N, C-alpha and C. Protein backbone atom coordinates (compact mmCIF):
# COMPACT_ATOMS: atom_id res chain seq x y z
N MET A 1 181.78 125.39 136.46
CA MET A 1 180.67 125.82 136.46
C MET A 1 179.89 125.98 135.42
N ASN A 2 179.16 125.59 134.76
CA ASN A 2 178.66 125.79 133.83
C ASN A 2 177.39 127.13 133.74
N ASP A 3 176.80 127.70 132.65
CA ASP A 3 175.50 128.67 133.22
C ASP A 3 174.14 128.35 133.80
N PHE A 4 174.14 126.80 134.20
CA PHE A 4 173.24 126.58 134.68
C PHE A 4 172.96 126.15 136.25
N ASP A 5 174.46 125.87 136.09
CA ASP A 5 174.85 125.62 137.70
C ASP A 5 174.88 127.12 138.26
N ASN A 6 175.16 128.67 136.86
CA ASN A 6 174.81 130.05 137.84
C ASN A 6 174.09 130.42 138.01
N VAL A 7 172.88 129.65 137.29
CA VAL A 7 171.88 130.41 137.00
C VAL A 7 170.93 129.33 138.73
N LEU A 8 171.62 128.30 138.92
CA LEU A 8 171.01 128.02 140.21
C LEU A 8 171.94 128.79 141.86
N VAL A 9 172.67 128.76 141.28
CA VAL A 9 173.51 129.46 142.85
C VAL A 9 172.36 131.24 142.16
N ASN A 10 172.73 131.53 141.39
CA ASN A 10 171.48 133.19 141.30
C ASN A 10 170.22 132.61 142.00
N VAL A 11 169.59 132.12 141.86
CA VAL A 11 168.34 131.38 142.33
C VAL A 11 168.11 131.24 144.06
N LYS A 12 169.72 130.56 144.00
CA LYS A 12 169.49 130.34 145.61
C LYS A 12 170.26 131.48 146.79
N ASN A 13 170.36 132.34 146.56
CA ASN A 13 170.97 133.53 146.48
C ASN A 13 169.60 135.00 147.06
N SER A 14 169.22 133.53 145.49
CA SER A 14 167.66 135.16 145.40
C SER A 14 166.68 134.50 146.81
N PHE A 15 166.56 133.00 146.98
CA PHE A 15 165.21 133.35 148.15
C PHE A 15 166.14 133.74 149.49
N ARG A 16 166.89 133.69 149.67
CA ARG A 16 168.09 133.68 150.77
C ARG A 16 168.06 134.81 150.98
N LEU A 17 168.11 135.56 149.84
CA LEU A 17 167.82 137.63 149.75
C LEU A 17 166.16 138.07 150.59
N LEU A 18 165.11 137.20 149.57
CA LEU A 18 164.04 137.14 149.94
C LEU A 18 163.41 136.71 150.96
N TYR A 19 164.19 135.88 151.57
CA TYR A 19 164.15 135.38 152.80
C TYR A 19 163.69 136.31 153.87
N SER A 20 165.32 137.81 153.91
CA SER A 20 165.59 138.22 155.48
C SER A 20 164.89 139.35 154.58
N PHE A 21 164.32 139.81 153.57
CA PHE A 21 164.09 141.01 152.49
C PHE A 21 161.89 140.90 154.08
N ASN A 22 161.78 139.73 153.48
CA ASN A 22 160.10 139.21 153.85
C ASN A 22 160.33 139.23 155.75
N SER A 23 161.08 138.51 155.96
CA SER A 23 161.28 139.17 157.16
C SER A 23 161.32 140.23 157.74
N ARG A 24 162.60 140.73 157.47
CA ARG A 24 161.82 142.92 157.97
C ARG A 24 160.34 142.49 157.56
N LEU A 25 160.35 142.45 156.57
CA LEU A 25 159.13 143.03 156.38
C LEU A 25 157.47 143.00 156.95
N LEU A 26 157.90 141.50 157.62
CA LEU A 26 156.81 141.11 158.09
C LEU A 26 157.07 141.28 160.16
N ASP A 27 158.76 142.59 159.90
CA ASP A 27 158.96 142.91 161.50
C ASP A 27 157.64 144.36 161.47
N LEU A 28 157.83 144.25 160.41
CA LEU A 28 157.51 146.20 159.94
C LEU A 28 155.93 146.01 160.31
N MET A 29 155.35 145.27 159.77
CA MET A 29 154.02 145.15 160.06
C MET A 29 153.85 144.57 161.40
N LYS A 30 154.73 143.69 162.70
CA LYS A 30 153.86 143.95 163.53
C LYS A 30 154.05 144.76 164.23
N TYR A 31 155.21 145.85 163.69
CA TYR A 31 155.47 147.32 164.47
C TYR A 31 154.49 147.86 164.35
N ILE A 32 154.33 147.90 163.19
CA ILE A 32 153.39 149.47 162.95
C ILE A 32 152.31 148.44 163.45
N GLY A 33 150.64 147.32 163.79
CA GLY A 33 150.73 147.26 164.50
C GLY A 33 150.33 147.24 165.55
N LYS A 34 151.05 147.23 165.78
CA LYS A 34 151.85 146.99 167.85
C LYS A 34 151.44 149.32 167.81
N ARG A 35 152.37 149.36 167.06
CA ARG A 35 151.97 151.65 167.30
C ARG A 35 151.07 151.83 167.35
N PHE A 36 150.33 151.57 166.37
CA PHE A 36 148.35 151.47 166.25
C PHE A 36 147.83 151.04 167.54
N ASN A 37 147.87 150.17 168.09
CA ASN A 37 147.27 148.90 168.68
C ASN A 37 146.61 148.59 167.90
N LEU A 38 146.54 147.87 166.85
CA LEU A 38 145.38 147.28 165.63
C LEU A 38 146.41 145.93 165.48
N PRO A 39 145.09 144.71 166.29
CA PRO A 39 145.57 143.56 165.81
C PRO A 39 145.48 143.00 164.38
N TYR A 40 147.05 142.31 163.92
CA TYR A 40 146.71 141.96 162.78
C TYR A 40 145.02 140.45 162.14
N SER A 41 145.04 140.92 161.26
CA SER A 41 143.22 140.23 161.25
C SER A 41 143.73 139.37 160.09
N GLY A 42 144.65 138.64 158.99
CA GLY A 42 144.72 138.37 158.18
C GLY A 42 144.69 138.83 156.81
N GLY A 43 146.26 138.20 155.85
CA GLY A 43 146.11 139.36 154.36
C GLY A 43 145.30 138.22 153.19
N TRP A 44 146.17 139.20 152.60
CA TRP A 44 146.18 138.67 150.84
C TRP A 44 146.47 139.05 150.28
N THR A 45 146.95 138.42 148.74
CA THR A 45 147.35 138.51 148.25
C THR A 45 146.33 139.44 147.24
N LYS A 46 147.32 140.09 146.18
CA LYS A 46 146.16 140.53 145.31
C LYS A 46 146.98 140.96 144.13
N PHE A 47 148.06 139.67 143.46
CA PHE A 47 148.55 139.90 142.59
C PHE A 47 148.08 138.45 142.09
N SER A 48 148.19 137.61 142.76
CA SER A 48 148.13 136.60 142.03
C SER A 48 146.76 136.12 141.84
N ALA A 49 146.40 134.36 141.22
CA ALA A 49 145.10 134.14 140.85
C ALA A 49 145.00 133.89 142.46
N SER A 50 145.08 132.33 142.74
CA SER A 50 145.31 131.26 143.59
C SER A 50 146.64 131.03 143.74
N SER A 51 147.09 131.52 145.05
CA SER A 51 147.89 130.83 146.15
C SER A 51 147.42 129.88 146.49
N PRO A 52 148.85 128.74 146.71
CA PRO A 52 148.51 127.59 146.12
C PRO A 52 148.48 127.47 148.54
N LYS A 53 147.98 127.32 149.26
CA LYS A 53 147.20 127.01 150.25
C LYS A 53 147.09 125.90 150.58
N ASP A 54 146.84 125.44 152.16
CA ASP A 54 146.70 124.26 152.58
C ASP A 54 146.45 122.57 152.19
N GLY A 55 148.65 122.84 151.29
CA GLY A 55 148.31 121.56 150.15
C GLY A 55 147.37 121.82 149.18
N LYS A 56 146.86 122.45 148.90
CA LYS A 56 146.10 122.91 147.65
C LYS A 56 146.81 123.41 146.33
N GLY A 57 146.21 123.61 145.35
CA GLY A 57 147.37 124.48 144.37
C GLY A 57 147.02 123.63 143.34
N SER A 58 147.81 124.19 141.79
CA SER A 58 147.98 123.05 141.05
C SER A 58 149.03 124.00 140.30
N LEU A 59 149.70 123.25 139.55
CA LEU A 59 151.48 122.97 139.14
C LEU A 59 150.77 123.63 137.58
N ASP A 60 149.89 124.20 137.25
CA ASP A 60 149.09 125.23 136.23
C ASP A 60 148.99 126.45 136.73
N ASN A 61 148.72 126.15 138.20
CA ASN A 61 149.08 128.27 138.07
C ASN A 61 150.36 128.88 137.69
N TRP A 62 150.04 129.96 137.32
CA TRP A 62 151.38 130.87 136.94
C TRP A 62 151.56 131.35 138.13
N ALA A 63 153.83 131.62 137.79
CA ALA A 63 154.01 131.61 138.42
C ALA A 63 153.85 132.26 139.65
N TRP A 64 153.42 133.15 139.63
CA TRP A 64 153.07 135.15 140.44
C TRP A 64 152.16 133.74 141.08
N ASP A 65 151.45 133.00 141.18
CA ASP A 65 150.79 132.28 142.36
C ASP A 65 152.25 131.74 143.88
N TRP A 66 153.10 131.63 143.11
CA TRP A 66 153.65 131.27 143.99
C TRP A 66 154.35 131.90 144.98
N LEU A 67 154.52 133.64 144.50
CA LEU A 67 155.43 134.48 144.84
C LEU A 67 154.17 135.72 145.38
N ASN A 68 153.53 134.72 146.42
CA ASN A 68 152.41 136.68 146.29
C ASN A 68 152.99 137.62 147.59
N LEU A 69 154.21 138.36 147.47
CA LEU A 69 154.52 138.43 148.94
C LEU A 69 153.90 140.27 147.15
N TYR A 70 154.44 139.78 146.28
CA TYR A 70 154.59 140.89 145.58
C TYR A 70 153.14 141.88 145.50
N LEU A 71 152.78 141.44 145.54
CA LEU A 71 150.97 142.68 146.32
C LEU A 71 150.80 141.82 147.03
N TYR A 72 150.51 143.01 148.13
CA TYR A 72 149.11 142.09 149.65
C TYR A 72 149.68 142.96 150.53
N GLU A 73 148.64 142.78 150.26
CA GLU A 73 147.76 142.84 151.77
C GLU A 73 147.31 143.10 152.80
N PHE A 74 148.18 143.77 153.88
CA PHE A 74 147.91 143.21 155.83
C PHE A 74 147.21 144.01 155.58
N HIS A 75 145.99 143.20 156.28
CA HIS A 75 144.71 143.73 157.42
C HIS A 75 145.41 144.26 158.70
N PHE A 76 144.65 145.32 159.30
CA PHE A 76 144.37 145.14 160.75
C PHE A 76 142.70 145.49 161.23
N SER A 77 142.27 145.43 162.10
CA SER A 77 140.69 145.32 162.42
C SER A 77 140.83 145.18 163.79
N LYS A 78 139.31 146.84 163.95
CA LYS A 78 138.82 146.14 165.52
C LYS A 78 138.15 147.56 165.39
N GLU A 79 137.14 146.60 166.11
CA GLU A 79 135.55 147.04 165.88
C GLU A 79 135.18 147.81 164.96
N GLU A 80 135.70 149.39 164.54
CA GLU A 80 134.64 149.24 163.14
C GLU A 80 135.43 149.82 162.23
N ILE A 81 136.95 149.94 162.91
CA ILE A 81 138.48 150.26 161.71
C ILE A 81 138.50 149.47 161.14
N LYS A 82 138.74 149.35 160.26
CA LYS A 82 139.48 148.47 158.95
C LYS A 82 140.47 149.21 158.54
N PHE A 83 140.83 149.14 158.93
CA PHE A 83 142.91 149.30 158.11
C PHE A 83 143.60 148.79 157.51
N SER A 84 144.19 149.05 156.27
CA SER A 84 145.18 147.75 155.45
C SER A 84 146.94 148.73 155.16
N ILE A 85 147.64 148.00 155.13
CA ILE A 85 148.51 148.01 154.22
C ILE A 85 149.06 146.88 153.40
N VAL A 86 149.28 147.75 152.15
CA VAL A 86 149.12 146.81 150.47
C VAL A 86 150.73 147.86 150.73
N PHE A 87 151.26 146.09 150.43
CA PHE A 87 152.51 145.98 150.14
C PHE A 87 153.11 145.96 148.79
N GLN A 88 153.88 146.57 148.30
CA GLN A 88 154.14 146.78 146.72
C GLN A 88 154.61 146.66 146.33
N ALA A 89 155.67 145.51 145.60
CA ALA A 89 157.49 144.53 146.07
C ALA A 89 158.12 146.39 144.25
N ASP A 90 156.56 146.00 143.60
CA ASP A 90 157.56 146.65 142.07
C ASP A 90 156.16 147.59 141.38
N THR A 91 156.59 147.91 140.94
CA THR A 91 155.24 148.91 139.64
C THR A 91 156.13 148.96 138.98
N GLY A 92 157.27 148.38 138.09
CA GLY A 92 157.26 147.25 136.68
C GLY A 92 155.73 147.60 136.08
N LYS A 93 155.48 146.50 136.90
CA LYS A 93 154.35 146.64 135.62
C LYS A 93 152.84 146.98 135.21
N TRP A 94 152.39 147.86 135.55
CA TRP A 94 152.37 149.98 136.25
C TRP A 94 152.27 150.32 135.36
N ASP A 95 153.33 150.73 135.71
CA ASP A 95 155.16 151.61 135.05
C ASP A 95 154.78 150.98 133.48
N SER A 96 154.79 149.96 132.87
CA SER A 96 154.99 149.76 131.33
C SER A 96 153.78 149.41 130.70
N GLU A 97 152.06 149.29 131.75
CA GLU A 97 151.36 149.11 130.90
C GLU A 97 150.50 147.61 130.21
N VAL A 98 151.62 146.31 130.98
CA VAL A 98 152.09 145.41 130.35
C VAL A 98 150.81 144.77 130.55
N ASP A 99 150.47 143.31 130.73
CA ASP A 99 149.80 141.95 130.89
C ASP A 99 150.67 141.64 132.10
N TYR A 100 150.04 141.16 133.09
CA TYR A 100 150.96 140.21 134.18
C TYR A 100 151.99 139.16 133.72
N LEU A 101 151.50 138.42 132.60
CA LEU A 101 153.23 137.69 132.06
C LEU A 101 154.15 137.98 131.71
N ASP A 102 153.74 139.27 130.86
CA ASP A 102 155.11 139.72 130.11
C ASP A 102 156.17 140.44 130.95
N VAL A 103 156.49 139.30 131.93
CA VAL A 103 157.51 140.54 133.04
C VAL A 103 159.23 140.71 132.29
N ASP A 104 159.13 140.46 130.51
CA ASP A 104 160.24 140.85 130.13
C ASP A 104 160.31 142.84 129.94
N LYS A 105 158.81 142.92 129.37
CA LYS A 105 158.68 143.51 129.32
C LYS A 105 158.02 145.02 130.34
N PHE A 106 158.56 144.63 131.24
CA PHE A 106 158.24 145.26 132.57
C PHE A 106 159.13 146.62 133.04
N GLU A 107 159.07 147.98 133.80
CA GLU A 107 160.41 148.71 133.44
C GLU A 107 160.96 147.90 133.90
N LYS A 108 162.19 148.91 134.33
CA LYS A 108 163.21 148.22 134.07
C LYS A 108 163.38 148.16 135.64
N ALA A 109 163.68 147.80 136.50
CA ALA A 109 163.58 147.52 138.62
C ALA A 109 164.30 148.80 138.94
N GLU A 110 165.07 149.25 138.36
CA GLU A 110 166.20 150.85 138.93
C GLU A 110 165.37 151.79 138.46
N LYS A 111 163.91 151.24 137.35
CA LYS A 111 163.30 152.77 137.58
C LYS A 111 161.91 152.77 138.37
N THR A 112 161.97 151.52 138.73
CA THR A 112 160.16 151.26 139.24
C THR A 112 160.96 151.86 140.93
N LYS A 113 159.09 151.38 141.42
CA LYS A 113 159.54 152.43 143.19
C LYS A 113 158.95 150.54 143.78
N THR A 114 159.07 150.58 144.77
CA THR A 114 158.03 149.58 146.16
C THR A 114 157.71 150.58 147.01
N LYS A 115 156.23 150.14 147.64
CA LYS A 115 155.31 151.39 148.09
C LYS A 115 154.57 150.48 149.16
N LEU A 116 154.83 151.11 149.95
CA LEU A 116 153.09 150.84 150.98
C LEU A 116 152.00 151.82 151.26
N ILE A 117 151.10 151.30 150.72
CA ILE A 117 149.51 151.67 151.09
C ILE A 117 148.93 151.46 151.97
N PHE A 118 148.67 152.77 152.88
CA PHE A 118 147.66 152.66 153.85
C PHE A 118 146.79 153.04 153.64
N ILE A 119 145.25 152.69 154.30
CA ILE A 119 144.46 152.21 153.65
C ILE A 119 143.05 152.06 154.59
N PHE A 120 142.07 153.12 154.47
CA PHE A 120 141.29 152.76 155.70
C PHE A 120 140.06 153.48 155.68
N SER A 121 139.33 153.02 156.40
CA SER A 121 137.25 153.03 156.37
C SER A 121 137.07 152.73 157.78
N ASN A 122 136.58 153.79 158.33
CA ASN A 122 135.52 153.28 159.70
C ASN A 122 134.20 153.84 159.63
N ASN A 123 133.68 153.01 158.65
CA ASN A 123 132.77 152.56 157.87
C ASN A 123 132.42 151.10 157.36
N GLU A 124 131.34 150.81 156.98
CA GLU A 124 130.84 149.80 156.25
C GLU A 124 132.50 149.66 154.60
N TYR A 125 131.77 150.47 154.35
CA TYR A 125 132.31 150.33 153.43
C TYR A 125 134.10 150.43 153.05
N TRP A 126 134.47 149.20 151.88
CA TRP A 126 135.65 149.22 151.74
C TRP A 126 135.63 148.32 150.46
N ASP A 127 136.12 149.22 149.82
CA ASP A 127 136.44 148.18 148.30
C ASP A 127 137.77 148.36 147.66
N MET A 128 138.84 147.86 147.68
CA MET A 128 140.44 147.53 147.72
C MET A 128 141.13 147.65 146.08
N ASP A 129 139.80 146.88 146.05
CA ASP A 129 139.39 147.40 144.12
C ASP A 129 140.20 148.40 143.11
N MET A 130 138.61 149.04 144.05
CA MET A 130 138.95 150.85 143.43
C MET A 130 140.36 151.52 144.61
N ALA A 131 140.37 151.07 146.30
CA ALA A 131 141.52 151.48 146.00
C ALA A 131 142.87 151.19 145.49
N LEU A 132 142.84 150.38 144.39
CA LEU A 132 144.64 150.07 143.99
C LEU A 132 144.03 150.30 142.68
N ASP A 133 142.95 150.94 141.73
CA ASP A 133 143.08 150.97 140.43
C ASP A 133 144.25 151.48 140.05
N ASP A 134 144.71 150.57 139.32
CA ASP A 134 146.07 150.98 137.97
C ASP A 134 146.62 152.42 138.18
N LYS A 135 144.99 153.05 138.27
CA LYS A 135 146.48 154.58 138.04
C LYS A 135 147.07 154.91 140.13
N TYR A 136 147.04 154.56 140.79
CA TYR A 136 147.91 154.45 142.15
C TYR A 136 148.39 153.97 141.84
N MET A 137 149.01 152.43 141.47
CA MET A 137 149.84 151.97 141.27
C MET A 137 151.04 151.63 140.86
N GLY A 138 151.15 152.69 139.62
CA GLY A 138 152.27 152.98 139.02
C GLY A 138 153.79 153.60 139.59
N ASN A 139 154.46 154.33 139.16
CA ASN A 139 155.62 154.99 139.23
C ASN A 139 154.81 156.52 139.86
N GLU A 140 154.22 156.47 139.11
CA GLU A 140 153.80 158.71 138.29
C GLU A 140 152.46 158.66 139.33
N TYR A 141 152.12 158.83 140.99
CA TYR A 141 150.79 158.89 141.85
C TYR A 141 150.51 159.59 142.18
N GLU A 142 149.27 160.44 142.65
CA GLU A 142 148.79 160.62 144.31
C GLU A 142 149.76 160.23 145.20
N ASN A 143 150.24 161.18 146.28
CA ASN A 143 150.45 160.57 147.30
C ASN A 143 149.38 160.00 148.12
N GLU A 144 147.84 160.95 148.48
CA GLU A 144 146.95 160.78 149.21
C GLU A 144 145.51 160.43 148.36
N TYR A 145 144.98 160.09 148.63
CA TYR A 145 143.65 160.00 147.90
C TYR A 145 142.40 159.37 148.75
N SER A 146 140.74 159.36 148.16
CA SER A 146 140.21 158.99 149.41
C SER A 146 139.03 158.17 147.22
N ILE A 147 138.42 157.62 148.21
CA ILE A 147 137.46 157.31 147.30
C ILE A 147 136.20 157.02 148.01
N GLU A 148 135.36 157.16 147.30
CA GLU A 148 133.74 157.55 147.96
C GLU A 148 132.62 156.33 147.69
N ASN A 149 131.86 156.25 148.36
CA ASN A 149 131.09 155.59 147.41
C ASN A 149 129.21 156.14 147.73
N GLU A 150 128.16 155.82 146.68
CA GLU A 150 127.37 156.26 146.90
C GLU A 150 126.73 157.25 148.07
N ASN A 151 126.90 156.44 149.16
CA ASN A 151 126.54 157.45 150.52
C ASN A 151 127.35 158.04 151.66
N LYS A 152 128.28 159.02 150.55
CA LYS A 152 129.09 159.52 150.68
C LYS A 152 129.79 158.69 151.88
N ASP A 153 130.05 157.44 151.26
CA ASP A 153 130.54 157.20 152.98
C ASP A 153 132.89 156.66 152.67
N LYS A 154 133.95 157.37 153.10
CA LYS A 154 135.00 157.57 152.43
C LYS A 154 135.92 155.97 152.43
N ILE A 155 136.90 156.41 151.88
CA ILE A 155 138.09 154.21 151.85
C ILE A 155 139.15 156.40 151.66
N TYR A 156 140.62 156.28 152.79
CA TYR A 156 141.47 157.44 152.94
C TYR A 156 142.22 156.53 152.74
N CYS A 157 142.87 156.28 151.53
CA CYS A 157 144.69 156.18 151.11
C CYS A 157 145.53 157.33 151.37
N LYS A 158 146.87 156.80 151.45
CA LYS A 158 147.89 157.66 151.82
C LYS A 158 149.18 156.29 151.30
N ILE A 159 149.84 156.72 150.21
CA ILE A 159 150.76 156.27 149.44
C ILE A 159 152.07 156.48 150.25
N PHE A 160 152.82 155.30 150.05
CA PHE A 160 154.40 155.61 150.78
C PHE A 160 156.03 154.78 149.61
N GLU A 161 156.61 155.81 150.23
CA GLU A 161 157.35 154.67 149.21
C GLU A 161 157.90 153.51 150.46
N LEU A 162 158.79 152.27 150.43
CA LEU A 162 159.34 152.07 151.26
C LEU A 162 160.47 152.17 151.09
N ASN A 163 161.19 153.20 151.05
CA ASN A 163 162.67 153.73 151.67
C ASN A 163 162.31 154.96 152.71
N ASP A 164 160.87 155.36 153.37
CA ASP A 164 159.94 155.40 153.72
C ASP A 164 160.68 155.17 155.23
N PHE A 165 161.07 153.10 155.24
CA PHE A 165 160.67 152.78 156.64
C PHE A 165 162.17 152.40 156.74
N LYS A 166 163.14 153.17 156.63
CA LYS A 166 164.32 152.70 156.60
C LYS A 166 164.84 152.28 158.23
N ASN A 167 164.83 152.44 159.71
CA ASN A 167 164.93 152.79 160.14
C ASN A 167 163.76 153.34 161.62
N LYS A 168 163.53 152.83 162.81
CA LYS A 168 163.08 153.15 164.17
C LYS A 168 161.89 154.94 163.70
N LYS A 169 163.47 155.58 163.39
CA LYS A 169 163.85 156.56 163.79
C LYS A 169 162.53 156.68 162.34
N GLU A 170 163.07 157.32 161.19
CA GLU A 170 161.84 157.36 160.28
C GLU A 170 160.98 156.82 160.13
N ILE A 171 160.84 155.50 160.71
CA ILE A 171 158.84 154.56 160.28
C ILE A 171 158.25 155.52 161.29
N ASP A 172 158.82 156.09 162.36
CA ASP A 172 157.94 156.16 162.77
C ASP A 172 157.76 158.23 161.89
N GLN A 173 158.81 158.61 161.79
CA GLN A 173 158.15 160.21 161.24
C GLN A 173 157.25 159.42 159.85
N ALA A 174 157.08 158.33 159.55
CA ALA A 174 155.62 158.30 157.91
C ALA A 174 154.99 157.95 159.01
N LEU A 175 155.05 157.31 160.43
CA LEU A 175 153.06 156.60 160.80
C LEU A 175 152.20 157.62 161.30
N ASP A 176 153.72 158.98 162.09
CA ASP A 176 153.47 160.22 162.54
C ASP A 176 152.62 160.99 161.40
N LYS A 177 152.97 160.99 159.79
CA LYS A 177 152.40 161.89 158.45
C LYS A 177 151.28 161.17 158.11
N TYR A 178 151.52 160.12 158.72
CA TYR A 178 149.93 159.20 158.61
C TYR A 178 148.68 159.77 159.44
N ILE A 179 148.86 159.78 160.73
CA ILE A 179 148.12 160.10 161.56
C ILE A 179 147.66 161.17 161.08
N LYS A 180 148.56 162.49 160.89
CA LYS A 180 148.58 164.09 160.20
C LYS A 180 147.71 164.08 159.32
N TYR A 181 147.45 163.77 158.15
CA TYR A 181 146.10 162.73 157.12
C TYR A 181 145.43 162.36 157.42
N LEU A 182 145.38 161.61 158.27
CA LEU A 182 143.33 161.42 158.74
C LEU A 182 143.25 162.25 159.54
N ASN A 183 143.95 163.13 160.27
CA ASN A 183 143.54 163.80 161.03
C ASN A 183 143.55 165.25 160.39
N LYS A 184 143.75 164.85 159.12
CA LYS A 184 143.65 166.50 158.61
C LYS A 184 141.91 166.32 157.97
N ASN A 185 141.82 164.90 157.46
CA ASN A 185 140.26 164.10 156.73
C ASN A 185 139.40 164.66 158.34
N LYS A 186 139.83 164.89 159.67
CA LYS A 186 139.17 164.73 160.94
C LYS A 186 138.96 162.91 161.59
N ILE A 187 139.87 163.11 161.07
CA ILE A 187 139.88 161.04 161.61
C ILE A 187 141.16 160.75 162.37
N PHE A 188 140.47 160.50 164.07
CA PHE A 188 141.13 160.05 164.95
C PHE A 188 140.99 159.06 165.55
N ASP A 189 140.22 157.55 164.96
CA ASP A 189 140.07 156.49 165.52
C ASP A 189 140.92 156.23 165.33
N ILE A 190 142.51 156.62 164.83
CA ILE A 190 143.73 155.92 165.42
C ILE A 190 144.06 156.44 165.58
N THR A 191 145.37 156.17 166.55
CA THR A 191 146.48 156.67 167.13
C THR A 191 147.56 156.49 167.97
N ILE A 192 148.51 156.94 167.61
CA ILE A 192 150.00 156.04 167.44
C ILE A 192 150.22 155.87 169.82
N VAL A 193 150.24 154.54 169.72
CA VAL A 193 150.92 154.28 171.12
C VAL A 193 152.04 154.76 171.69
N GLU A 194 153.16 155.24 172.74
CA GLU A 194 154.24 155.56 172.62
C GLU A 194 154.75 154.78 172.43
N GLU A 195 155.35 153.93 173.47
CA GLU A 195 155.84 152.89 173.81
C GLU A 195 156.21 151.45 173.00
N VAL A 196 156.01 150.79 172.90
CA VAL A 196 155.90 149.07 172.08
C VAL A 196 157.37 148.63 172.56
């Protein structure tokens, strides 16, 4: 087997691994939506410029456009409640403070984190650019923060590492921590449905 054949085997295995991982991530999002009784209402890639969809897309798009779950917002909403979970596969770009295309200069994967950023608002204010400011995206970050607009409306954010969601027990513990964080900020709009 030559070098290119070895690369192709690694690529095939990588796609299979990504399929399994993405399937588990989607199951996690479904579970959280059910536990919070919030229906999923769409998602948006936050890393690529223009994900190929609906038979469109250009072959001149950068490769990140074809890997849109690298940084992705899963949005849930109900009445006035806006809630998103942003999946961040890798803090490597932000840890090294390099350009999106300098993948070889990203921090080594062994040193980076995979995060879930929970974002909540129960008012009209919703600013994902502020919620996902670079200062929250790297390896060193605040676990909890809020963003306020000129009208004193707030968005509340809490960051977890994906390691906090390994199994049902740990998922439920993380969700309890999130509810306590909201309650500490006098927000009682989201409650946990006991059994799903």
